[in-house]
């Protein structure tokens, strides 16, 4: 299966503002052996597919990445490169690694380095649904908490500004 250019990329090239539609990002040939239909078609979210680390680093600043599903090995790196790039995001999303060689060692490494989970290939539709849904819900909760914290900080800045103005500073 040939991985297509992210459907959102042509829009990004024509428009300047960041897109704030939460997206599930698939990096690498995650589904190459899954047969007909995408396992990720079952989700109601925007799905962006990318081939490699460079494309991920180039495109993701423009989209609200909520969850990343990444093949263990990529043409120009591996899942650790994606995890590192994701960790630099304002709101780092959970990373799920897929691999035909998913064993306890990979699972421990992914979790110890800050990844979310590992999906063994061949993929199982119900397991994909369970893991991705839980990661999405976790990311949504983190995003909501971050927005509340930001809002509280902004309100405190306004309050302090009003106090300083009243004090004649």
C-alpha atoms as a PDB file:
ATOM      1  CA  UNK A   1       0.000   0.000   0.000  1.00  0.00           C
ATOM      2  CA  UNK A   2       1.406   3.378  -0.968  1.00  0.00           C
ATOM      3  CA  UNK A   3       1.052   5.985   1.754  1.00  0.00           C
ATOM      4  CA  UNK A   4      -0.556   9.169   0.460  1.00  0.00           C
ATOM      5  CA  UNK A   5       0.423  12.749   1.122  1.00  0.00           C
ATOM      6  CA  UNK A   6      -1.533  14.157   4.076  1.00  0.00           C
ATOM      7  CA  UNK A   7      -4.904  15.307   2.748  1.00  0.00           C
ATOM      8  CA  UNK A   8      -4.550  18.515   4.707  1.00  0.00           C
ATOM      9  CA  UNK A   9      -1.216  19.546   3.147  1.00  0.00           C
ATOM     10  CA  UNK A  10      -2.637  21.313   0.051  1.00  0.00           C
ATOM     11  CA  UNK A  11      -4.773  23.456   2.357  1.00  0.00           C
ATOM     12  CA  UNK A  12      -1.740  24.306   4.481  1.00  0.00           C
ATOM     13  CA  UNK A  13       0.183  25.471   1.463  1.00  0.00           C
ATOM     14  CA  UNK A  14      -2.629  27.874   0.478  1.00  0.00           C
ATOM     15  CA  UNK A  15      -3.474  29.278   3.919  1.00  0.00           C
ATOM     16  CA  UNK A  16      -1.321  30.847   6.588  1.00  0.00           C
ATOM     17  CA  UNK A  17      -3.141  30.313   9.904  1.00  0.00           C
ATOM     18  CA  UNK A  18      -2.616  27.189  11.941  1.00  0.00           C
ATOM     19  CA  UNK A  19      -5.310  24.574  11.697  1.00  0.00           C
ATOM     20  CA  UNK A  20      -6.909  23.737  15.022  1.00  0.00           C
ATOM     21  CA  UNK A  21      -8.848  20.640  14.019  1.00  0.00           C
ATOM     22  CA  UNK A  22      -7.566  17.851  16.264  1.00  0.00           C
ATOM     23  CA  UNK A  23      -5.917  15.158  14.178  1.00  0.00           C
ATOM     24  CA  UNK A  24      -4.800  11.571  14.457  1.00  0.00           C
ATOM     25  CA  UNK A  25      -1.384  11.420  12.771  1.00  0.00           C
ATOM     26  CA  UNK A  26      -0.169   8.179  11.193  1.00  0.00           C
ATOM     27  CA  UNK A  27       3.573   8.051  10.422  1.00  0.00           C
ATOM     28  CA  UNK A  28       5.030   5.337   8.216  1.00  0.00           C
ATOM     29  CA  UNK A  29       3.562   2.162   6.744  1.00  0.00           C
ATOM     30  CA  UNK A  30       1.468   1.376   9.817  1.00  0.00           C
ATOM     31  CA  UNK A  31      -1.257  -0.404   7.841  1.00  0.00           C
ATOM     32  CA  UNK A  32       0.595  -1.925   4.915  1.00  0.00           C
ATOM     33  CA  UNK A  33      -0.535  -5.503   5.650  1.00  0.00           C
ATOM     34  CA  UNK A  34      -4.065  -4.792   6.860  1.00  0.00           C
ATOM     35  CA  UNK A  35      -5.891  -5.629   3.633  1.00  0.00           C
ATOM     36  CA  UNK A  36      -8.996  -3.704   2.633  1.00  0.00           C
ATOM     37  CA  UNK A  37      -9.986  -0.477   4.349  1.00  0.00           C
ATOM     38  CA  UNK A  38      -8.090   1.488   6.917  1.00  0.00           C
ATOM     39  CA  UNK A  39      -8.261   0.551  10.579  1.00  0.00           C
ATOM     40  CA  UNK A  40      -8.289   4.269  11.218  1.00  0.00           C
ATOM     41  CA  UNK A  41     -11.447   4.915   9.170  1.00  0.00           C
ATOM     42  CA  UNK A  42     -13.436   3.846  12.228  1.00  0.00           C
ATOM     43  CA  UNK A  43     -12.596   7.093  14.016  1.00  0.00           C
ATOM     44  CA  UNK A  44     -14.535  10.339  13.522  1.00  0.00           C
ATOM     45  CA  UNK A  45     -11.346  12.425  13.619  1.00  0.00           C
ATOM     46  CA  UNK A  46      -9.220  14.020  10.940  1.00  0.00           C
ATOM     47  CA  UNK A  47      -6.532  11.493   9.966  1.00  0.00           C
ATOM     48  CA  UNK A  48      -3.249  12.743   8.482  1.00  0.00           C
ATOM     49  CA  UNK A  49      -0.854  10.197   6.982  1.00  0.00           C
ATOM     50  CA  UNK A  50       2.863  10.881   6.652  1.00  0.00           C
ATOM     51  CA  UNK A  51       5.706   8.787   5.298  1.00  0.00           C
ATOM     52  CA  UNK A  52       8.704   9.822   7.356  1.00  0.00           C
ATOM     53  CA  UNK A  53      10.231  11.891  10.163  1.00  0.00           C
ATOM     54  CA  UNK A  54      11.000  14.908   7.979  1.00  0.00           C
ATOM     55  CA  UNK A  55       7.427  15.135   6.742  1.00  0.00           C
ATOM     56  CA  UNK A  56       6.198  14.837  10.341  1.00  0.00           C
ATOM     57  CA  UNK A  57       8.493  17.643  11.497  1.00  0.00           C
ATOM     58  CA  UNK A  58       7.450  19.833   8.559  1.00  0.00           C
ATOM     59  CA  UNK A  59       3.680  19.363   8.697  1.00  0.00           C
ATOM     60  CA  UNK A  60       2.792  18.904  12.377  1.00  0.00           C
ATOM     61  CA  UNK A  61       3.454  22.511  13.439  1.00  0.00           C
ATOM     62  CA  UNK A  62       0.445  23.359  11.254  1.00  0.00           C
ATOM     63  CA  UNK A  63      -2.024  20.889  12.739  1.00  0.00           C
ATOM     64  CA  UNK A  64      -3.399  20.149  16.190  1.00  0.00           C
ATOM     65  CA  UNK A  65      -1.905  16.680  16.594  1.00  0.00           C
ATOM     66  CA  UNK A  66      -3.904  14.836  19.246  1.00  0.00           C
ATOM     67  CA  UNK A  67      -2.480  11.278  18.886  1.00  0.00           C
ATOM     68  CA  UNK A  68       0.403   9.820  16.866  1.00  0.00           C
ATOM     69  CA  UNK A  69       0.526   6.236  15.604  1.00  0.00           C
ATOM     70  CA  UNK A  70       3.993   5.498  14.268  1.00  0.00           C
ATOM     71  CA  UNK A  71       5.744   2.521  12.707  1.00  0.00           C
ATOM     72  CA  UNK A  72       8.816   1.464  14.704  1.00  0.00           C
ATOM     73  CA  UNK A  73      11.195   1.927  11.764  1.00  0.00           C
ATOM     74  CA  UNK A  74      10.857   4.756   9.232  1.00  0.00           C
ATOM     75  CA  UNK A  75      12.782   5.540   6.025  1.00  0.00           C
ATOM     76  CA  UNK A  76      14.686   8.407   7.661  1.00  0.00           C
ATOM     77  CA  UNK A  77      14.685   7.428  11.333  1.00  0.00           C
ATOM     78  CA  UNK A  78      12.507   5.646  13.835  1.00  0.00           C
ATOM     79  CA  UNK A  79       9.800   6.133  16.434  1.00  0.00           C
ATOM     80  CA  UNK A  80      12.277   7.792  18.829  1.00  0.00           C
ATOM     81  CA  UNK A  81      12.818  10.619  16.334  1.00  0.00           C
ATOM     82  CA  UNK A  82       9.044  11.139  16.164  1.00  0.00           C
ATOM     83  CA  UNK A  83       8.794  11.054  19.970  1.00  0.00           C
ATOM     84  CA  UNK A  84      11.573  13.654  20.237  1.00  0.00           C
ATOM     85  CA  UNK A  85       9.873  15.940  17.691  1.00  0.00           C
ATOM     86  CA  UNK A  86       6.514  15.485  19.429  1.00  0.00           C
ATOM     87  CA  UNK A  87       8.020  16.343  22.812  1.00  0.00           C
ATOM     88  CA  UNK A  88       8.862  19.807  21.454  1.00  0.00           C
ATOM     89  CA  UNK A  89       5.192  20.543  20.718  1.00  0.00           C
ATOM     90  CA  UNK A  90       3.275  22.907  23.000  1.00  0.00           C
ATOM     91  CA  UNK A  91       0.928  20.078  23.976  1.00  0.00           C
ATOM     92  CA  UNK A  92       2.853  16.811  23.310  1.00  0.00           C
ATOM     93  CA  UNK A  93       0.492  14.086  22.078  1.00  0.00           C
ATOM     94  CA  UNK A  94       0.660  10.429  23.071  1.00  0.00           C
ATOM     95  CA  UNK A  95       2.711   8.237  20.725  1.00  0.00           C
ATOM     96  CA  UNK A  96       1.647   4.694  19.869  1.00  0.00           C
ATOM     97  CA  UNK A  97       4.301   2.540  18.182  1.00  0.00           C
ATOM     98  CA  UNK A  98       3.417  -0.299  15.787  1.00  0.00           C
ATOM     99  CA  UNK A  99       5.733  -3.172  14.952  1.00  0.00           C
ATOM    100  CA  UNK A 100       5.756  -6.726  13.713  1.00  0.00           C
ATOM    101  CA  UNK A 101       8.524  -7.258  16.296  1.00  0.00           C
ATOM    102  CA  UNK A 102       6.522  -5.944  19.266  1.00  0.00           C
ATOM    103  CA  UNK A 103       7.967  -7.670  22.310  1.00  0.00           C
ATOM    104  CA  UNK A 104       8.379  -6.870  26.002  1.00  0.00           C
ATOM    105  CA  UNK A 105      11.663  -5.096  25.317  1.00  0.00           C
ATOM    106  CA  UNK A 106      10.118  -2.683  22.777  1.00  0.00           C
ATOM    107  CA  UNK A 107       7.084  -2.124  24.985  1.00  0.00           C
ATOM    108  CA  UNK A 108       9.300  -1.288  28.010  1.00  0.00           C
ATOM    109  CA  UNK A 109      11.496   1.008  25.906  1.00  0.00           C
ATOM    110  CA  UNK A 110       8.488   2.887  24.495  1.00  0.00           C
ATOM    111  CA  UNK A 111       6.955   3.396  27.932  1.00  0.00           C
ATOM    112  CA  UNK A 112      10.268   4.295  29.613  1.00  0.00           C
ATOM    113  CA  UNK A 113      11.045   6.949  26.986  1.00  0.00           C
ATOM    114  CA  UNK A 114       7.590   8.532  27.257  1.00  0.00           C
ATOM    115  CA  UNK A 115       5.565   6.753  24.571  1.00  0.00           C
ATOM    116  CA  UNK A 116       1.985   5.721  25.215  1.00  0.00           C
ATOM    117  CA  UNK A 117       1.682   2.115  23.989  1.00  0.00           C
ATOM    118  CA  UNK A 118       2.728  -0.499  21.415  1.00  0.00           C
ATOM    119  CA  UNK A 119       0.440  -2.211  18.908  1.00  0.00           C
ATOM    120  CA  UNK A 120       1.643  -5.545  17.552  1.00  0.00           C
ATOM    121  CA  UNK A 121       1.312  -6.334  13.860  1.00  0.00           C
ATOM    122  CA  UNK A 122      -0.715  -7.698  12.280  1.00  0.00           C
ATOM    123  CA  UNK A 123      -3.043  -5.097  13.724  1.00  0.00           C
ATOM    124  CA  UNK A 124      -6.257  -6.121  15.415  1.00  0.00           C
ATOM    125  CA  UNK A 125      -9.173  -3.768  14.709  1.00  0.00           C
ATOM    126  CA  UNK A 126     -10.606  -3.901  18.252  1.00  0.00           C
ATOM    127  CA  UNK A 127      -7.172  -3.398  19.865  1.00  0.00           C
ATOM    128  CA  UNK A 128      -6.456  -0.446  17.565  1.00  0.00           C
ATOM    129  CA  UNK A 129      -9.820   1.043  18.534  1.00  0.00           C
ATOM    130  CA  UNK A 130      -9.248   0.530  22.268  1.00  0.00           C
ATOM    131  CA  UNK A 131      -5.675   1.884  22.390  1.00  0.00           C
ATOM    132  CA  UNK A 132      -6.215   4.863  20.070  1.00  0.00           C
ATOM    133  CA  UNK A 133      -9.480   5.858  21.788  1.00  0.00           C
ATOM    134  CA  UNK A 134      -7.858   5.774  25.237  1.00  0.00           C
ATOM    135  CA  UNK A 135      -4.887   7.794  23.972  1.00  0.00           C
ATOM    136  CA  UNK A 136      -7.253  10.319  22.360  1.00  0.00           C
ATOM    137  CA  UNK A 137      -9.254  10.702  25.585  1.00  0.00           C
ATOM    138  CA  UNK A 138      -6.051  11.150  27.602  1.00  0.00           C
ATOM    139  CA  UNK A 139      -4.791  13.786  25.167  1.00  0.00           C
ATOM    140  CA  UNK A 140      -8.149  15.592  25.210  1.00  0.00           C
ATOM    141  CA  UNK A 141      -8.061  15.715  29.027  1.00  0.00           C
ATOM    142  CA  UNK A 142      -4.481  17.034  29.016  1.00  0.00           C
ATOM    143  CA  UNK A 143      -5.382  19.634  26.390  1.00  0.00           C
ATOM    144  CA  UNK A 144      -8.386  20.737  28.431  1.00  0.00           C
ATOM    145  CA  UNK A 145      -6.301  21.030  31.623  1.00  0.00           C
ATOM    146  CA  UNK A 146      -3.627  23.005  29.778  1.00  0.00           C
ATOM    147  CA  UNK A 147      -6.256  25.412  28.415  1.00  0.00           C
ATOM    148  CA  UNK A 148      -7.744  25.872  31.907  1.00  0.00           C
ATOM    149  CA  UNK A 149      -4.301  26.548  33.367  1.00  0.00           C
ATOM    150  CA  UNK A 150      -3.564  29.035  30.578  1.00  0.00           C
ATOM    151  CA  UNK A 151      -6.949  30.724  31.131  1.00  0.00           C
ATOM    152  CA  UNK A 152      -6.344  30.975  34.895  1.00  0.00           C
ATOM    153  CA  UNK A 153      -2.888  32.441  34.259  1.00  0.00           C
ATOM    154  CA  UNK A 154      -4.359  35.024  31.886  1.00  0.00           C
ATOM    155  CA  UNK A 155      -7.049  35.931  34.416  1.00  0.00           C
ATOM    156  CA  UNK A 156      -4.385  36.359  37.106  1.00  0.00           C
ATOM    157  CA  UNK A 157      -2.366  38.627  34.776  1.00  0.00           C
ATOM    158  CA  UNK A 158      -5.464  40.777  34.200  1.00  0.00           C
ATOM    159  CA  UNK A 159      -6.142  40.907  37.956  1.00  0.00           C
ATOM    160  CA  UNK A 160      -2.524  41.883  38.728  1.00  0.00           C
ATOM    161  CA  UNK A 161      -2.613  44.509  35.986  1.00  0.00           C
ATOM    162  CA  UNK A 162      -5.770  45.995  37.509  1.00  0.00           C
ATOM    163  CA  UNK A 163      -4.147  46.025  40.978  1.00  0.00           C
ATOM    164  CA  UNK A 164      -1.034  47.739  39.613  1.00  0.00           C
ATOM    165  CA  UNK A 165      -3.160  50.302  37.765  1.00  0.00           C
ATOM    166  CA  UNK A 166      -5.186  51.001  40.910  1.00  0.00           C
ATOM    167  CA  UNK A 167      -1.957  51.344  42.912  1.00  0.00           C
ATOM    168  CA  UNK A 168      -0.628  53.843  40.393  1.00  0.00           C
ATOM    169  CA  UNK A 169       2.268  51.722  39.138  1.00  0.00           C
END
